[in-house]
Amino acid sequence: MTDRNSEGGRGASRREFVGRAAGGACLLAALPVHVLAAPPRAEESDETAVQLGYRHDTKSVDKKKYPRHAATQECVNCAMWQGTPSDAWAGCAMFGRKQIAAKGWCQAWAPKPA
């Protein structure tokens, strides 16, 4: 059997390609599920969320408890938001690996730099 590469052929054979693709699929299958899963969402009852006064919906913030809160302040327009403007949930610098709601709020809210 001759090597196609030495003959100036098309490169690797289909057999080699299929073998490599199958090997790659096996490696992906061996990864733990939590590596491929989306990060967990923060709950309002989580310790960090309670300390920061986090709410999934900025409209439900206690205005007496947090008088500096404004209705226009949402996680999506906070400097610590790690997602895109179209993400419903994304990471936050304050919440580690947990995701927060775009429409949420906490007292660490800071405006995005212009």
N, C-alpha and C. Protein backbone atom coordinates (compact mmCIF):
# COMPACT_ATOMS: atom_id res chain seq x y z
N MET A 1 0.84 -1.17 0.00
CA MET A 1 0.00 0.00 0.00
C MET A 1 0.89 1.23 0.00
N THR A 2 0.55 2.22 -0.78
CA THR A 2 1.37 3.43 -0.88
C THR A 2 0.75 4.56 -0.08
N ASP A 3 1.59 5.49 0.28
CA ASP A 3 1.15 6.66 1.03
C ASP A 3 0.73 7.74 0.04
N ARG A 4 -0.50 8.22 0.16
CA ARG A 4 -1.00 9.22 -0.78
C ARG A 4 -0.18 10.52 -0.72
N ASN A 5 0.31 10.84 0.47
CA ASN A 5 1.08 12.07 0.60
C ASN A 5 2.35 12.03 -0.24
N SER A 6 2.97 10.85 -0.34
CA SER A 6 4.21 10.74 -1.09
C SER A 6 3.96 10.77 -2.60
N GLU A 7 2.72 10.53 -3.01
CA GLU A 7 2.39 10.54 -4.42
C GLU A 7 1.84 11.90 -4.86
N GLY A 8 1.78 12.85 -3.95
CA GLY A 8 1.21 14.14 -4.31
C GLY A 8 -0.30 14.10 -4.36
N GLY A 9 -0.91 13.15 -3.66
CA GLY A 9 -2.37 13.00 -3.66
C GLY A 9 -3.06 14.05 -2.80
N ARG A 10 -4.28 13.73 -2.39
CA ARG A 10 -5.12 14.69 -1.66
C ARG A 10 -4.78 14.79 -0.19
N GLY A 11 -3.76 14.20 0.29
CA GLY A 11 -3.43 14.27 1.71
C GLY A 11 -3.94 13.05 2.43
N ALA A 12 -4.40 13.23 3.66
CA ALA A 12 -4.85 12.12 4.50
C ALA A 12 -6.05 11.43 3.87
N SER A 13 -6.10 10.13 4.05
CA SER A 13 -7.21 9.36 3.49
C SER A 13 -8.46 9.52 4.35
N ARG A 14 -9.58 9.12 3.78
CA ARG A 14 -10.84 9.15 4.54
C ARG A 14 -10.74 8.27 5.77
N ARG A 15 -10.07 7.16 5.64
CA ARG A 15 -9.93 6.23 6.76
C ARG A 15 -9.20 6.91 7.93
N GLU A 16 -8.14 7.65 7.63
CA GLU A 16 -7.42 8.38 8.68
C GLU A 16 -8.30 9.46 9.28
N PHE A 17 -9.04 10.17 8.44
CA PHE A 17 -9.93 11.23 8.92
C PHE A 17 -10.99 10.66 9.86
N VAL A 18 -11.63 9.58 9.45
CA VAL A 18 -12.68 8.97 10.27
C VAL A 18 -12.09 8.48 11.59
N GLY A 19 -10.91 7.91 11.54
CA GLY A 19 -10.26 7.43 12.76
C GLY A 19 -9.95 8.57 13.72
N ARG A 20 -9.47 9.67 13.19
CA ARG A 20 -9.17 10.83 14.05
C ARG A 20 -10.44 11.46 14.59
N ALA A 21 -11.48 11.53 13.77
CA ALA A 21 -12.75 12.10 14.23
C ALA A 21 -13.36 11.25 15.33
N ALA A 22 -13.28 9.93 15.18
CA ALA A 22 -13.81 9.04 16.21
C ALA A 22 -13.02 9.18 17.50
N GLY A 23 -11.71 9.33 17.39
CA GLY A 23 -10.88 9.53 18.58
C GLY A 23 -11.24 10.82 19.29
N GLY A 24 -11.47 11.88 18.54
CA GLY A 24 -11.87 13.16 19.13
C GLY A 24 -13.22 13.06 19.82
N ALA A 25 -14.15 12.33 19.21
CA ALA A 25 -15.47 12.15 19.82
C ALA A 25 -15.35 11.38 21.13
N CYS A 26 -14.47 10.40 21.17
CA CYS A 26 -14.27 9.64 22.42
C CYS A 26 -13.71 10.54 23.52
N LEU A 27 -12.80 11.43 23.16
CA LEU A 27 -12.24 12.35 24.16
C LEU A 27 -13.32 13.27 24.71
N LEU A 28 -14.20 13.79 23.85
CA LEU A 28 -15.29 14.64 24.32
C LEU A 28 -16.25 13.87 25.21
N ALA A 29 -16.52 12.62 24.85
CA ALA A 29 -17.43 11.81 25.65
C ALA A 29 -16.85 11.51 27.03
N ALA A 30 -15.53 11.52 27.14
CA ALA A 30 -14.89 11.21 28.41
C ALA A 30 -14.90 12.40 29.37
N LEU A 31 -15.19 13.61 28.88
CA LEU A 31 -15.23 14.78 29.76
C LEU A 31 -16.39 14.67 30.74
N PRO A 32 -16.19 15.09 31.97
CA PRO A 32 -17.30 15.08 32.93
C PRO A 32 -18.42 15.99 32.44
N VAL A 33 -19.65 15.63 32.76
CA VAL A 33 -20.81 16.38 32.30
C VAL A 33 -20.75 17.83 32.77
N HIS A 34 -20.27 18.08 33.98
CA HIS A 34 -20.26 19.45 34.49
C HIS A 34 -19.33 20.36 33.70
N VAL A 35 -18.37 19.79 32.98
CA VAL A 35 -17.47 20.60 32.16
C VAL A 35 -18.23 21.16 30.96
N LEU A 36 -19.16 20.37 30.41
CA LEU A 36 -19.91 20.77 29.24
C LEU A 36 -21.20 21.51 29.59
N ALA A 37 -21.66 21.40 30.83
CA ALA A 37 -22.92 22.02 31.23
C ALA A 37 -22.76 23.52 31.45
N ALA A 38 -23.86 24.23 31.32
CA ALA A 38 -23.85 25.67 31.60
C ALA A 38 -23.66 25.88 33.09
N PRO A 39 -23.02 26.97 33.48
CA PRO A 39 -22.84 27.25 34.91
C PRO A 39 -24.20 27.40 35.59
N PRO A 40 -24.26 27.11 36.89
CA PRO A 40 -25.54 27.23 37.60
C PRO A 40 -25.96 28.69 37.73
N ARG A 41 -27.25 28.88 37.88
CA ARG A 41 -27.79 30.23 38.08
C ARG A 41 -27.80 30.57 39.55
N ALA A 42 -27.54 31.82 39.85
CA ALA A 42 -27.59 32.30 41.23
C ALA A 42 -29.04 32.32 41.69
N GLU A 43 -29.25 31.96 42.93
CA GLU A 43 -30.58 32.04 43.53
C GLU A 43 -30.59 33.24 44.47
N GLU A 44 -31.73 33.85 44.63
CA GLU A 44 -31.83 35.00 45.53
C GLU A 44 -31.53 34.61 46.97
N SER A 45 -31.65 33.33 47.29
CA SER A 45 -31.39 32.84 48.65
C SER A 45 -29.93 32.46 48.88
N ASP A 46 -29.09 32.48 47.83
CA ASP A 46 -27.66 32.17 47.99
C ASP A 46 -27.02 33.20 48.93
N GLU A 47 -26.01 32.77 49.67
CA GLU A 47 -25.36 33.64 50.65
C GLU A 47 -24.86 34.94 50.03
N THR A 48 -24.17 34.84 48.90
CA THR A 48 -23.65 36.04 48.24
C THR A 48 -24.79 36.94 47.79
N ALA A 49 -25.84 36.34 47.24
CA ALA A 49 -26.99 37.12 46.77
C ALA A 49 -27.66 37.87 47.92
N VAL A 50 -27.80 37.22 49.06
CA VAL A 50 -28.42 37.86 50.22
C VAL A 50 -27.56 39.03 50.69
N GLN A 51 -26.25 38.82 50.76
CA GLN A 51 -25.34 39.89 51.21
C GLN A 51 -25.36 41.10 50.27
N LEU A 52 -25.57 40.85 48.98
CA LEU A 52 -25.57 41.94 48.00
C LEU A 52 -26.96 42.47 47.70
N GLY A 53 -27.99 41.89 48.32
CA GLY A 53 -29.36 42.32 48.05
C GLY A 53 -29.81 41.99 46.64
N TYR A 54 -29.25 40.93 46.05
CA TYR A 54 -29.55 40.57 44.66
C TYR A 54 -31.00 40.16 44.47
N ARG A 55 -31.59 40.62 43.38
CA ARG A 55 -32.92 40.22 42.94
C ARG A 55 -32.84 39.89 41.46
N HIS A 56 -33.59 38.85 41.05
CA HIS A 56 -33.63 38.46 39.63
C HIS A 56 -34.26 39.57 38.79
N ASP A 57 -35.14 40.35 39.39
CA ASP A 57 -35.85 41.41 38.68
C ASP A 57 -35.66 42.73 39.42
N THR A 58 -35.07 43.70 38.75
CA THR A 58 -34.80 44.99 39.39
C THR A 58 -36.06 45.66 39.92
N LYS A 59 -37.22 45.32 39.36
CA LYS A 59 -38.49 45.91 39.80
C LYS A 59 -38.90 45.43 41.19
N SER A 60 -38.32 44.33 41.66
CA SER A 60 -38.70 43.78 42.96
C SER A 60 -37.76 44.21 44.10
N VAL A 61 -36.86 45.14 43.83
CA VAL A 61 -35.93 45.62 44.85
C VAL A 61 -36.67 46.48 45.87
N ASP A 62 -36.39 46.26 47.15
CA ASP A 62 -36.99 47.03 48.25
C ASP A 62 -36.39 48.45 48.25
N LYS A 63 -37.19 49.42 47.84
CA LYS A 63 -36.70 50.79 47.71
C LYS A 63 -36.36 51.43 49.06
N LYS A 64 -37.01 50.99 50.12
CA LYS A 64 -36.70 51.52 51.45
C LYS A 64 -35.36 50.99 51.94
N LYS A 65 -35.09 49.73 51.66
CA LYS A 65 -33.84 49.11 52.09
C LYS A 65 -32.66 49.57 51.23
N TYR A 66 -32.92 49.83 49.95
CA TYR A 66 -31.87 50.24 49.00
C TYR A 66 -32.29 51.54 48.32
N PRO A 67 -32.22 52.68 49.02
CA PRO A 67 -32.69 53.95 48.46
C PRO A 67 -31.89 54.45 47.25
N ARG A 68 -30.67 53.99 47.07
CA ARG A 68 -29.86 54.41 45.91
C ARG A 68 -30.24 53.66 44.63
N HIS A 69 -31.07 52.64 44.75
CA HIS A 69 -31.49 51.86 43.58
C HIS A 69 -32.34 52.71 42.65
N ALA A 70 -32.11 52.56 41.36
CA ALA A 70 -32.93 53.22 40.34
C ALA A 70 -33.48 52.14 39.41
N ALA A 71 -34.68 52.36 38.90
CA ALA A 71 -35.33 51.37 38.04
C ALA A 71 -34.53 51.07 36.78
N THR A 72 -33.69 51.99 36.35
CA THR A 72 -32.89 51.79 35.14
C THR A 72 -31.64 50.94 35.38
N GLN A 73 -31.33 50.68 36.64
CA GLN A 73 -30.15 49.87 36.97
C GLN A 73 -30.50 48.39 36.84
N GLU A 74 -29.88 47.75 35.89
CA GLU A 74 -30.05 46.31 35.66
C GLU A 74 -28.67 45.69 35.51
N CYS A 75 -28.58 44.40 35.79
CA CYS A 75 -27.30 43.71 35.66
C CYS A 75 -26.70 43.87 34.26
N VAL A 76 -27.55 43.85 33.25
CA VAL A 76 -27.07 43.94 31.87
C VAL A 76 -26.34 45.25 31.58
N ASN A 77 -26.64 46.33 32.34
CA ASN A 77 -25.92 47.59 32.11
C ASN A 77 -24.96 47.92 33.25
N CYS A 78 -24.53 46.89 33.96
CA CYS A 78 -23.57 47.02 35.06
C CYS A 78 -22.15 46.73 34.54
N ALA A 79 -21.18 47.36 35.12
CA ALA A 79 -19.78 47.16 34.72
C ALA A 79 -19.30 45.74 34.98
N MET A 80 -19.94 45.02 35.88
CA MET A 80 -19.50 43.66 36.22
C MET A 80 -20.17 42.57 35.39
N TRP A 81 -21.12 42.94 34.54
CA TRP A 81 -21.82 41.99 33.66
C TRP A 81 -20.83 41.40 32.68
N GLN A 82 -20.79 40.07 32.56
CA GLN A 82 -19.82 39.39 31.71
C GLN A 82 -20.44 38.81 30.45
N GLY A 83 -21.66 39.17 30.17
CA GLY A 83 -22.33 38.66 28.98
C GLY A 83 -22.47 39.73 27.91
N THR A 84 -23.29 39.40 26.91
CA THR A 84 -23.60 40.36 25.86
C THR A 84 -24.95 41.00 26.19
N PRO A 85 -25.29 42.10 25.57
CA PRO A 85 -26.58 42.74 25.85
C PRO A 85 -27.79 41.86 25.54
N SER A 86 -27.63 40.86 24.69
CA SER A 86 -28.76 40.00 24.33
C SER A 86 -28.88 38.76 25.23
N ASP A 87 -27.92 38.52 26.12
CA ASP A 87 -27.99 37.36 27.02
C ASP A 87 -29.03 37.58 28.11
N ALA A 88 -29.86 36.57 28.36
CA ALA A 88 -30.83 36.64 29.45
C ALA A 88 -30.15 36.35 30.79
N TRP A 89 -29.13 35.50 30.78
CA TRP A 89 -28.35 35.14 31.97
C TRP A 89 -26.88 35.15 31.56
N ALA A 90 -26.02 35.58 32.47
CA ALA A 90 -24.58 35.59 32.19
C ALA A 90 -23.81 35.68 33.49
N GLY A 91 -22.50 35.61 33.39
CA GLY A 91 -21.64 35.69 34.55
C GLY A 91 -21.55 37.11 35.09
N CYS A 92 -21.07 37.19 36.32
CA CYS A 92 -20.89 38.47 37.00
C CYS A 92 -19.63 38.35 37.86
N ALA A 93 -18.85 39.42 37.91
CA ALA A 93 -17.63 39.42 38.71
C ALA A 93 -17.90 39.17 40.19
N MET A 94 -19.08 39.48 40.66
CA MET A 94 -19.42 39.34 42.08
C MET A 94 -19.90 37.93 42.45
N PHE A 95 -20.32 37.14 41.46
CA PHE A 95 -20.96 35.86 41.75
C PHE A 95 -20.15 34.63 41.35
N GLY A 96 -18.89 34.79 41.06
CA GLY A 96 -18.05 33.64 40.73
C GLY A 96 -18.55 32.93 39.49
N ARG A 97 -18.75 31.62 39.59
CA ARG A 97 -19.17 30.82 38.44
C ARG A 97 -20.68 30.81 38.22
N LYS A 98 -21.44 31.44 39.07
CA LYS A 98 -22.90 31.43 38.91
C LYS A 98 -23.34 32.54 37.97
N GLN A 99 -24.42 32.26 37.26
CA GLN A 99 -24.97 33.25 36.34
C GLN A 99 -26.08 34.05 37.02
N ILE A 100 -26.23 35.28 36.56
CA ILE A 100 -27.26 36.16 37.10
C ILE A 100 -28.17 36.63 35.96
N ALA A 101 -29.35 37.11 36.32
CA ALA A 101 -30.33 37.55 35.33
C ALA A 101 -29.97 38.93 34.78
N ALA A 102 -30.16 39.10 33.49
CA ALA A 102 -29.90 40.40 32.85
C ALA A 102 -30.77 41.49 33.46
N LYS A 103 -31.99 41.16 33.83
CA LYS A 103 -32.93 42.14 34.40
C LYS A 103 -32.76 42.26 35.91
N GLY A 104 -31.75 41.61 36.48
CA GLY A 104 -31.53 41.62 37.92
C GLY A 104 -30.84 42.87 38.41
N TRP A 105 -30.58 42.89 39.73
CA TRP A 105 -29.90 44.02 40.36
C TRP A 105 -29.29 43.56 41.68
N CYS A 106 -28.19 44.19 42.08
CA CYS A 106 -27.63 44.04 43.43
C CYS A 106 -26.97 45.36 43.81
N GLN A 107 -26.66 45.52 45.08
CA GLN A 107 -26.12 46.80 45.53
C GLN A 107 -24.68 47.07 45.08
N ALA A 108 -24.05 46.10 44.43
CA ALA A 108 -22.72 46.32 43.85
C ALA A 108 -22.81 46.92 42.45
N TRP A 109 -24.03 47.19 41.98
CA TRP A 109 -24.22 47.72 40.63
C TRP A 109 -23.38 48.97 40.42
N ALA A 110 -22.70 49.01 39.27
CA ALA A 110 -21.89 50.17 38.88
C ALA A 110 -22.08 50.39 37.39
N PRO A 111 -22.18 51.62 36.95
CA PRO A 111 -22.41 51.87 35.52
C PRO A 111 -21.22 51.40 34.67
N LYS A 112 -21.54 50.91 33.48
CA LYS A 112 -20.48 50.53 32.55
C LYS A 112 -19.73 51.78 32.12
N PRO A 113 -18.42 51.67 31.95
CA PRO A 113 -17.68 52.84 31.47
C PRO A 113 -18.12 53.22 30.05
N ALA A 114 -18.12 54.48 29.77
CA ALA A 114 -18.57 54.98 28.46
C ALA A 114 -17.63 54.64 27.34
